[in-house]
Amino acid sequence: MTYSHRTRRDFLKSTTSILAAGLAIPYFPSDSCEAAESVGDKLRVAAIGVGGRGSGIGHDAGSKGVMVACADIDRRHAERFAARYDGKCEIFADYRKILDRQDVDVVTIGTPDHWHVKIAIEAMAAGKDVYCEKPLTLTIDEGKQICEAVRQTKRVFQVGTQQRSDARFLLAVAIARSGRLGDKLKATCSIGGGPSGGPFPTAESPVELDWDAWLGQCPVVPYTKERCHGSFRWWLEYSGGKLTDWGAHHVDIAHWGLGKEGTGPVEIQGEGSFPNIPADFDPVAFFAGQAQIPNGFNTATQFHIDLTFADGSLIHVQHGPDNGIWFEGERGRIFVNRGRISGEAVDALTTADKEELDEEIKRLYKGQARRGHMQNFFDCVKDRGEPVSDVFSHHRELSSCHLCNIAMLLKRKLRWDPDKEDFVGDEQASALVSRPQREPYSIKTA
């Protein structure tokens, strides 16, 4: 696929409606396929956000392409990551410097959740194909924005829900969709409880870290070591706790197995325990920076939530026990996690059954060879196919995870319209579909 000069102008016109103001600037798209051919089979890779999981996906991509640059607002992360590449990986503090480069074909994004969508939209507008860690979004509204950006830019985008490339989960999904367990299914996702802790002391931020930039769109608060890096996910300001951490994996498989990857529930009801959140907590005021709570972890530690779909099928999300997913119907029950798939329906599979399910697995994997999750992304960049973990299905399943948190915070049953993607008759709940965003880090759409 190539872009003429006219196409480039048209592209920029179409993307100005989704580009962020403030830090965002328009970029001319490069063509990933043409760029790849100039260096043989090796795509040029840059990694944005290279601490923790971000370094893992960055090095995975670097092993399949040519790593040319990395960016992180913590200099220590960037230096540690770049050391593997013998001086060939240029270091930046500002990710936009990477997007300016014409020698970058693909980027990996491994930042904290609240930065994913802004960087991803700007990267696609710059003509880069994107591999982004899960959970992709901080809010439901951000999911709508990233889906529209992919539609407009037509870039290849893989979400890091790597269970979609695991043979055990693919088989479980194929069995669930085959009718072998029954016609109306329930999926139970057990994802583990979250930690509690705090209040924590504040301090001066490390000289290597740009704390204001790390906070990004979120309200300004004093530096707290436990807020950033590996423990950011236990703060509602930046993530959704276990509901969007392990939930982004298991609820995704549940959606897929129930055939709900293009829709959402119509009713959500559940309860959970949140540390450091007072009884009169107002989430709308809190996310707007207008209410203070103790400076400690505040995502749910224990929870039980039901997501009911229009046809009566159900996803139950709970903190435990036994991390994994149960699919069950009137004809049987199976269990799957990263270590095993079990159940009578698995044991009873004949050779003919396995051949039939293999064909379904090929369809689920969109005709691509199964060579690993990152390799699936690289294969799709080269043939312009859609990766197995596309943004559209991820947005739907992650919306379910966000809905779980919203229902628990509001402490009542909620009704959801999956077509309009909004709550039914509940202004307070609708206010939580998005959040106020701090300048100059906001994502503004026309």
Protein backbone atom coordinates (compact mmCIF):
# COMPACT_ATOMS: atom_id res chain seq x y z
CA MET A 1 0.00 0.00 0.00
CA THR A 2 1.44 3.38 -0.99
CA TYR A 3 0.29 6.96 -0.50
CA SER A 4 0.25 9.52 -3.29
CA HIS A 5 0.80 13.18 -2.42
CA ARG A 6 -2.92 13.74 -2.72
CA THR A 7 -3.58 10.78 -0.42
CA ARG A 8 -1.18 12.23 2.14
CA ARG A 9 -3.11 15.52 2.15
CA ASP A 10 -6.42 13.71 2.41
CA PHE A 11 -5.00 11.57 5.21
CA LEU A 12 -4.04 14.61 7.24
CA LYS A 13 -7.47 16.17 6.71
CA SER A 14 -9.14 13.03 8.01
CA THR A 15 -6.88 12.65 11.02
CA THR A 16 -7.06 16.22 12.27
CA SER A 17 -10.44 15.37 13.75
CA ILE A 18 -8.91 12.74 16.02
CA LEU A 19 -5.49 14.18 16.80
CA ALA A 20 -4.89 15.57 20.22
CA ALA A 21 -4.35 19.27 20.73
CA GLY A 22 -1.62 20.59 23.00
CA LEU A 23 1.32 18.22 22.64
CA ALA A 24 -0.03 16.61 19.48
CA ILE A 25 1.13 17.83 16.07
CA PRO A 26 0.25 16.45 12.64
CA TYR A 27 2.70 14.03 11.06
CA PHE A 28 3.07 12.82 7.50
CA PRO A 29 2.54 9.08 7.35
CA SER A 30 5.32 6.82 6.15
CA ASP A 31 4.49 3.56 4.41
CA SER A 32 5.44 0.57 6.53
CA CYS A 33 5.53 -1.84 3.61
CA GLU A 34 7.83 0.32 1.48
CA ALA A 35 10.08 1.01 4.47
CA ALA A 36 10.33 -2.68 5.28
CA GLU A 37 11.44 -3.52 1.75
CA SER A 38 14.30 -1.01 1.96
CA VAL A 39 15.95 -3.07 4.72
CA GLY A 40 14.94 -6.50 3.54
CA ASP A 41 12.57 -8.36 5.82
CA LYS A 42 13.40 -6.35 8.92
CA LEU A 43 10.97 -3.69 10.07
CA ARG A 44 12.47 -0.71 11.90
CA VAL A 45 11.15 -0.64 15.46
CA ALA A 46 10.92 1.97 18.21
CA ALA A 47 9.72 1.31 21.75
CA ILE A 48 7.76 3.91 23.72
CA GLY A 49 7.55 3.23 27.45
CA VAL A 50 10.25 0.69 28.31
CA GLY A 51 9.88 -0.03 32.01
CA GLY A 52 8.55 -3.39 33.20
CA ARG A 53 6.20 -4.96 30.66
CA GLY A 54 7.09 -2.24 28.15
CA SER A 55 10.67 -3.48 28.01
CA GLY A 56 9.40 -7.03 27.46
CA ILE A 57 7.30 -6.22 24.42
CA GLY A 58 9.94 -3.81 23.14
CA HIS A 59 12.67 -6.46 23.21
CA ASP A 60 10.28 -8.99 21.66
CA ALA A 61 9.69 -6.63 18.76
CA GLY A 62 13.39 -5.79 18.62
CA SER A 63 14.23 -9.47 18.17
CA LYS A 64 12.02 -9.59 15.08
CA GLY A 65 12.99 -6.24 13.57
CA VAL A 66 15.70 -3.61 13.91
CA MET A 67 15.46 -1.55 17.09
CA VAL A 68 16.38 2.06 16.27
CA ALA A 69 15.03 4.15 19.17
CA CYS A 70 13.27 4.14 22.50
CA ALA A 71 11.52 6.77 24.59
CA ASP A 72 10.70 6.95 28.27
CA ILE A 73 10.14 9.84 30.64
CA ASP A 74 12.26 7.96 33.17
CA ARG A 75 15.81 8.12 31.86
CA ARG A 76 16.79 5.07 33.88
CA HIS A 77 14.35 2.88 31.97
CA ALA A 78 15.50 4.15 28.59
CA GLU A 79 19.19 3.65 29.33
CA ARG A 80 18.64 0.13 30.65
CA PHE A 81 16.55 -0.81 27.61
CA ALA A 82 18.92 0.69 25.03
CA ALA A 83 21.99 -1.00 26.52
CA ARG A 84 21.07 -4.24 24.77
CA TYR A 85 21.52 -2.68 21.32
CA ASP A 86 25.19 -1.62 21.41
CA GLY A 87 24.59 2.07 20.84
CA LYS A 88 22.21 1.55 17.89
CA CYS A 89 19.07 2.42 19.86
CA GLU A 90 18.75 6.19 20.24
CA ILE A 91 17.23 7.41 23.52
CA PHE A 92 14.54 10.09 23.81
CA ALA A 93 12.57 11.52 26.70
CA ASP A 94 9.83 12.85 24.39
CA TYR A 95 8.06 10.13 22.39
CA ARG A 96 7.15 12.67 19.69
CA LYS A 97 10.78 12.66 18.57
CA ILE A 98 10.28 9.04 17.59
CA LEU A 99 7.11 9.84 15.67
CA ASP A 100 9.00 12.49 13.70
CA ARG A 101 11.44 9.89 12.38
CA GLN A 102 10.91 8.53 8.89
CA ASP A 103 13.02 5.44 9.63
CA VAL A 104 10.50 3.99 12.12
CA ASP A 105 7.96 1.55 10.74
CA VAL A 106 6.35 0.21 13.90
CA VAL A 107 6.17 1.25 17.54
CA THR A 108 5.48 -0.66 20.70
CA ILE A 109 3.69 1.19 23.49
CA GLY A 110 4.30 -0.03 27.02
CA THR A 111 3.47 3.06 29.07
CA PRO A 112 1.00 3.14 31.96
CA ASP A 113 -2.62 2.81 30.81
CA HIS A 114 -3.53 6.50 30.93
CA TRP A 115 -0.99 7.29 28.19
CA HIS A 116 -1.86 4.50 25.73
CA VAL A 117 -4.52 6.14 23.60
CA LYS A 118 -2.91 9.54 23.15
CA ILE A 119 0.40 8.06 22.02
CA ALA A 120 -1.29 5.43 19.85
CA ILE A 121 -3.47 7.93 17.99
CA GLU A 122 -0.50 10.21 17.31
CA ALA A 123 1.62 7.24 16.21
CA MET A 124 -1.00 6.11 13.69
CA ALA A 125 -1.35 9.66 12.40
CA ALA A 126 2.41 9.61 11.87
CA GLY A 127 2.05 6.51 9.72
CA LYS A 128 3.32 3.99 12.23
CA ASP A 129 1.79 0.59 12.86
CA VAL A 130 1.26 -0.06 16.54
CA TYR A 131 1.58 -2.83 19.10
CA CYS A 132 0.14 -1.56 22.39
CA GLU A 133 -0.01 -3.23 25.77
CA LYS A 134 -3.30 -4.01 27.46
CA PRO A 135 -5.48 -2.64 28.87
CA LEU A 136 -5.65 -0.32 25.90
CA THR A 137 -7.79 2.42 27.45
CA LEU A 138 -8.44 4.28 30.68
CA THR A 139 -12.11 4.96 29.84
CA ILE A 140 -14.84 3.66 27.55
CA ASP A 141 -14.77 6.90 25.57
CA GLU A 142 -11.07 6.43 24.81
CA GLY A 143 -11.98 3.07 23.28
CA LYS A 144 -14.36 4.78 20.89
CA GLN A 145 -11.61 7.24 19.93
CA ILE A 146 -8.99 4.57 19.23
CA CYS A 147 -11.43 2.55 17.11
CA GLU A 148 -12.19 5.62 15.00
CA ALA A 149 -8.48 6.36 14.63
CA VAL A 150 -7.80 2.86 13.31
CA ARG A 151 -10.70 3.16 10.86
CA GLN A 152 -9.44 6.48 9.53
CA THR A 153 -5.72 5.75 9.37
CA LYS A 154 -5.99 2.09 8.35
CA ARG A 155 -2.88 1.27 10.35
CA VAL A 156 -2.19 -2.23 11.66
CA PHE A 157 -2.84 -2.35 15.41
CA GLN A 158 -2.25 -5.29 17.73
CA VAL A 159 -3.32 -5.22 21.38
CA GLY A 160 -1.11 -7.15 23.79
CA THR A 161 -3.75 -9.65 24.93
CA GLN A 162 -1.42 -12.54 24.16
CA GLN A 163 -3.86 -15.23 25.34
CA ARG A 164 -5.47 -14.90 21.90
CA SER A 165 -2.36 -16.55 20.48
CA ASP A 166 -2.30 -19.40 23.03
CA ALA A 167 -3.46 -22.83 21.81
CA ARG A 168 -5.31 -23.61 25.06
CA PHE A 169 -7.47 -20.48 24.93
CA LEU A 170 -8.11 -20.84 21.20
CA LEU A 171 -9.34 -24.39 21.73
CA ALA A 172 -11.56 -23.29 24.63
CA VAL A 173 -13.09 -20.52 22.53
CA ALA A 174 -13.63 -22.90 19.61
CA ILE A 175 -15.37 -25.43 21.88
CA ALA A 176 -17.57 -22.76 23.45
CA ARG A 177 -18.60 -21.37 20.07
CA SER A 178 -19.26 -24.85 18.62
CA GLY A 179 -22.37 -25.49 20.71
CA ARG A 180 -20.81 -28.52 22.41
CA LEU A 181 -21.46 -26.99 25.83
CA GLY A 182 -24.95 -25.71 25.04
CA ASP A 183 -26.72 -22.86 23.34
CA LYS A 184 -26.80 -20.30 26.16
CA LEU A 185 -23.53 -20.11 28.02
CA LYS A 186 -22.14 -18.63 31.19
CA ALA A 187 -18.48 -17.69 31.46
CA THR A 188 -16.92 -17.23 34.87
CA CYS A 189 -13.69 -15.24 34.96
CA SER A 190 -11.60 -15.62 38.10
CA ILE A 191 -8.86 -12.99 37.99
CA GLY A 192 -7.44 -12.69 41.51
CA GLY A 193 -7.84 -9.96 44.08
CA GLY A 194 -6.01 -6.68 44.18
CA PRO A 195 -3.66 -5.40 46.88
CA SER A 196 -4.33 -2.82 49.55
CA GLY A 197 -1.85 -0.35 50.95
CA GLY A 198 -1.33 3.19 52.15
CA PRO A 199 -1.69 5.96 52.83
CA PHE A 200 1.79 6.40 51.41
CA PRO A 201 4.19 9.31 52.00
CA THR A 202 4.93 11.83 49.29
CA ALA A 203 8.43 12.90 48.28
CA GLU A 204 10.46 14.77 45.69
CA SER A 205 10.40 12.92 42.39
CA PRO A 206 13.67 11.39 41.15
CA VAL A 207 15.73 13.69 38.94
CA GLU A 208 15.57 11.11 36.12
CA LEU A 209 11.74 11.17 36.08
CA ASP A 210 9.50 13.88 34.63
CA TRP A 211 6.64 13.52 37.14
CA ASP A 212 4.33 16.06 35.50
CA ALA A 213 4.63 14.25 32.16
CA TRP A 214 4.12 10.89 33.86
CA LEU A 215 0.82 12.14 35.30
CA GLY A 216 -0.23 13.26 31.84
CA GLN A 217 -3.99 13.78 31.54
CA CYS A 218 -4.60 12.96 35.23
CA PRO A 219 -4.93 15.47 38.09
CA VAL A 220 -1.74 16.87 39.63
CA VAL A 221 -0.73 15.21 42.89
CA PRO A 222 2.58 15.11 44.76
CA TYR A 223 5.04 12.39 43.71
CA THR A 224 4.44 9.11 45.48
CA LYS A 225 6.73 6.19 44.67
CA GLU A 226 3.85 3.71 44.88
CA ARG A 227 1.80 5.60 42.28
CA CYS A 228 4.12 4.96 39.35
CA HIS A 229 6.00 2.23 37.54
CA GLY A 230 4.93 -1.29 38.58
CA SER A 231 2.22 -0.29 41.05
CA PHE A 232 0.37 2.34 39.00
CA ARG A 233 -2.37 -0.18 38.18
CA TRP A 234 -3.64 -0.15 41.78
CA TRP A 235 -4.81 3.48 41.46
CA LEU A 236 -8.14 4.30 39.80
CA GLU A 237 -6.62 7.53 38.50
CA TYR A 238 -4.35 5.61 36.11
CA SER A 239 -5.85 2.16 35.66
CA GLY A 240 -8.65 -0.15 36.77
CA GLY A 241 -6.92 -2.60 39.08
CA LYS A 242 -7.40 -6.32 38.56
CA LEU A 243 -10.57 -5.64 36.54
CA THR A 244 -8.54 -4.14 33.69
CA ASP A 245 -5.29 -6.01 34.42
CA TRP A 246 -6.17 -9.72 34.41
CA GLY A 247 -9.71 -8.82 33.43
CA ALA A 248 -8.46 -7.51 30.10
CA HIS A 249 -7.18 -11.04 29.41
CA HIS A 250 -9.91 -13.29 30.79
CA VAL A 251 -12.97 -11.16 30.02
CA ASP A 252 -11.61 -10.94 26.47
CA ILE A 253 -11.59 -14.73 26.16
CA ALA A 254 -15.07 -14.87 27.71
CA HIS A 255 -16.44 -12.33 25.20
CA TRP A 256 -14.82 -14.27 22.36
CA GLY A 257 -16.10 -17.65 23.50
CA LEU A 258 -19.66 -16.34 23.91
CA GLY A 259 -19.52 -14.68 20.48
CA LYS A 260 -19.86 -11.21 22.02
CA GLU A 261 -16.75 -9.60 20.53
CA GLY A 262 -18.88 -7.05 18.66
CA THR A 263 -21.28 -6.06 21.42
CA GLY A 264 -21.63 -5.59 25.16
CA PRO A 265 -23.88 -6.43 28.10
CA VAL A 266 -27.26 -4.81 28.72
CA GLU A 267 -27.13 -5.08 32.51
CA ILE A 268 -24.30 -4.89 35.04
CA GLN A 269 -24.58 -5.60 38.74
CA GLY A 270 -21.95 -6.33 41.33
CA GLU A 271 -20.20 -5.40 44.51
CA GLY A 272 -16.61 -4.98 45.55
CA SER A 273 -14.31 -3.76 48.29
CA PHE A 274 -12.19 -0.66 47.62
CA PRO A 275 -9.41 0.34 50.03
CA ASN A 276 -8.97 4.00 51.01
CA ILE A 277 -12.33 5.00 49.51
CA PRO A 278 -14.80 6.61 51.96
CA ALA A 279 -18.49 5.73 52.12
CA ASP A 280 -19.52 9.04 50.54
CA PHE A 281 -17.09 8.70 47.63
CA ASP A 282 -18.18 10.59 44.49
CA PRO A 283 -16.29 9.12 41.52
CA VAL A 284 -17.32 11.92 39.14
CA ALA A 285 -15.86 14.59 41.43
CA PHE A 286 -12.81 12.46 42.18
CA PHE A 287 -11.81 11.93 38.54
CA ALA A 288 -12.28 15.65 37.94
CA GLY A 289 -9.73 16.36 40.68
CA GLN A 290 -12.41 17.93 42.90
CA ALA A 291 -12.35 15.41 45.73
CA GLN A 292 -9.48 14.05 47.80
CA ILE A 293 -9.17 10.62 49.37
CA PRO A 294 -6.32 8.98 51.33
CA ASN A 295 -3.09 8.62 49.35
CA GLY A 296 -3.16 4.85 48.93
CA PHE A 297 -4.14 2.02 46.61
CA ASN A 298 -7.83 2.39 45.74
CA THR A 299 -8.77 -0.26 43.15
CA ALA A 300 -11.02 -3.17 44.12
CA THR A 301 -9.48 -5.90 46.24
CA GLN A 302 -12.43 -8.34 46.14
CA PHE A 303 -15.44 -8.40 43.82
CA HIS A 304 -18.29 -10.31 42.22
CA ILE A 305 -19.96 -8.82 39.13
CA ASP A 306 -22.51 -10.13 36.62
CA LEU A 307 -22.58 -8.92 33.02
CA THR A 308 -25.85 -9.99 31.38
CA PHE A 309 -26.28 -9.88 27.58
CA ALA A 310 -29.45 -9.37 25.57
CA ASP A 311 -29.79 -13.09 24.76
CA GLY A 312 -29.48 -14.09 28.41
CA SER A 313 -25.87 -15.27 28.29
CA LEU A 314 -23.77 -14.18 31.23
CA ILE A 315 -20.20 -13.32 32.18
CA HIS A 316 -19.42 -13.45 35.89
CA VAL A 317 -16.21 -11.76 37.04
CA GLN A 318 -14.79 -12.59 40.45
CA HIS A 319 -11.58 -12.25 42.41
CA GLY A 320 -11.15 -15.98 42.99
CA PRO A 321 -10.53 -18.84 43.28
CA ASP A 322 -8.23 -20.56 40.73
CA ASN A 323 -7.23 -17.94 38.14
CA GLY A 324 -8.85 -18.90 34.85
CA ILE A 325 -12.12 -19.13 32.92
CA TRP A 326 -15.00 -21.58 33.14
CA PHE A 327 -17.36 -21.95 30.18
CA GLU A 328 -20.54 -23.82 31.05
CA GLY A 329 -23.90 -24.61 29.52
CA GLU A 330 -26.63 -27.21 29.74
CA ARG A 331 -24.40 -29.81 28.02
CA GLY A 332 -21.12 -29.39 29.82
CA ARG A 333 -18.38 -27.33 31.41
CA ILE A 334 -14.71 -26.66 30.66
CA PHE A 335 -11.94 -24.75 32.41
CA VAL A 336 -8.98 -22.98 30.81
CA ASN A 337 -6.03 -20.96 32.03
CA ARG A 338 -2.41 -20.51 30.99
CA GLY A 339 -1.47 -23.94 32.29
CA ARG A 340 -4.28 -26.24 31.19
CA ILE A 341 -7.61 -26.84 29.49
CA SER A 342 -9.79 -29.48 31.10
CA GLY A 343 -13.30 -30.88 31.26
CA GLU A 344 -15.32 -33.78 29.89
CA ALA A 345 -15.99 -31.91 26.66
CA VAL A 346 -12.21 -31.76 26.10
CA ASP A 347 -11.60 -35.39 27.03
CA ALA A 348 -14.38 -36.58 24.73
CA LEU A 349 -13.01 -34.94 21.58
CA THR A 350 -12.58 -37.38 18.69
CA THR A 351 -10.14 -37.01 15.82
CA ALA A 352 -12.99 -35.71 13.66
CA ASP A 353 -13.97 -33.24 16.39
CA LYS A 354 -10.41 -31.95 16.62
CA GLU A 355 -10.22 -31.47 12.85
CA GLU A 356 -13.48 -29.51 12.92
CA LEU A 357 -12.25 -27.36 15.81
CA ASP A 358 -8.93 -26.79 14.06
CA GLU A 359 -10.85 -25.20 11.19
CA GLU A 360 -12.66 -22.91 13.64
CA ILE A 361 -9.34 -21.99 15.26
CA LYS A 362 -7.99 -20.99 11.84
CA ARG A 363 -11.01 -18.72 11.38
CA LEU A 364 -10.53 -17.26 14.85
CA TYR A 365 -6.90 -16.56 13.99
CA LYS A 366 -8.01 -14.82 10.79
CA GLY A 367 -6.12 -17.17 8.48
CA GLN A 368 -2.69 -16.22 9.80
CA ALA A 369 -0.05 -18.75 10.76
CA ARG A 370 0.13 -19.07 14.56
CA ARG A 371 3.74 -18.16 15.33
CA GLY A 372 3.26 -16.08 18.47
CA HIS A 373 1.48 -12.87 19.35
CA MET A 374 4.21 -10.41 18.38
CA GLN A 375 4.95 -12.38 15.22
CA ASN A 376 1.27 -12.17 14.32
CA PHE A 377 1.62 -8.38 14.48
CA PHE A 378 4.72 -8.41 12.28
CA ASP A 379 3.06 -10.74 9.78
CA CYS A 380 0.04 -8.45 9.56
CA VAL A 381 2.20 -5.35 9.11
CA LYS A 382 3.71 -7.01 6.04
CA ASP A 383 0.47 -8.30 4.50
CA ARG A 384 -1.79 -5.51 5.90
CA GLY A 385 -4.08 -8.04 7.53
CA GLU A 386 -5.95 -7.59 10.80
CA PRO A 387 -4.14 -8.99 13.86
CA VAL A 388 -5.83 -11.56 16.06
CA SER A 389 -6.21 -9.02 18.90
CA ASP A 390 -7.82 -6.11 17.06
CA VAL A 391 -8.84 -2.84 18.69
CA PHE A 392 -12.53 -3.26 17.96
CA SER A 393 -13.08 -6.49 19.90
CA HIS A 394 -10.67 -5.31 22.60
CA HIS A 395 -12.67 -2.11 23.04
CA ARG A 396 -15.84 -4.14 23.57
CA GLU A 397 -14.39 -6.52 26.13
CA LEU A 398 -12.50 -3.79 27.95
CA SER A 399 -15.69 -1.73 28.06
CA SER A 400 -17.15 -4.64 30.04
CA CYS A 401 -14.23 -4.37 32.47
CA HIS A 402 -14.78 -0.62 32.84
CA LEU A 403 -18.51 -1.26 33.33
CA CYS A 404 -17.68 -3.60 36.21
CA ASN A 405 -15.72 -0.89 37.98
CA ILE A 406 -18.39 1.76 37.37
CA ALA A 407 -21.18 -0.47 38.71
CA MET A 408 -19.19 -1.27 41.85
CA LEU A 409 -18.26 2.35 42.48
CA LEU A 410 -21.87 3.50 42.09
CA LYS A 411 -23.15 0.53 44.13
CA ARG A 412 -26.19 -0.19 42.00
CA LYS A 413 -27.45 -2.17 39.03
CA LEU A 414 -26.81 -0.37 35.75
CA ARG A 415 -28.41 -0.72 32.33
CA TRP A 416 -26.22 -0.34 29.25
CA ASP A 417 -27.11 0.20 25.59
CA PRO A 418 -24.38 -1.64 23.63
CA ASP A 419 -25.41 0.00 20.36
CA LYS A 420 -25.28 3.58 21.63
CA GLU A 421 -22.48 2.66 24.06
CA ASP A 422 -24.01 4.63 26.88
CA PHE A 423 -25.93 3.99 30.07
CA VAL A 424 -29.71 4.00 29.99
CA GLY A 425 -31.35 6.72 32.09
CA ASP A 426 -28.39 7.31 34.43
CA GLU A 427 -26.60 10.65 34.09
CA GLN A 428 -24.12 9.97 36.85
CA ALA A 429 -23.05 6.68 35.27
CA SER A 430 -22.86 8.31 31.82
CA ALA A 431 -20.51 10.93 33.25
CA LEU A 432 -18.05 8.10 33.96
CA VAL A 433 -17.82 6.96 30.33
CA SER A 434 -15.14 9.66 29.97
CA ARG A 435 -13.08 11.80 32.32
CA PRO A 436 -11.82 15.39 32.35
CA GLN A 437 -8.29 15.54 30.93
CA ARG A 438 -5.56 17.90 32.01
CA GLU A 439 -3.91 20.21 29.48
CA PRO A 440 -1.66 20.00 27.58
CA TYR A 441 -1.99 16.21 27.72
CA SER A 442 -5.60 15.82 26.63
CA ILE A 443 -6.97 14.02 23.59
CA LYS A 444 -9.38 16.35 21.82
CA THR A 445 -11.70 15.28 19.02
CA ALA A 446 -13.74 17.46 16.72
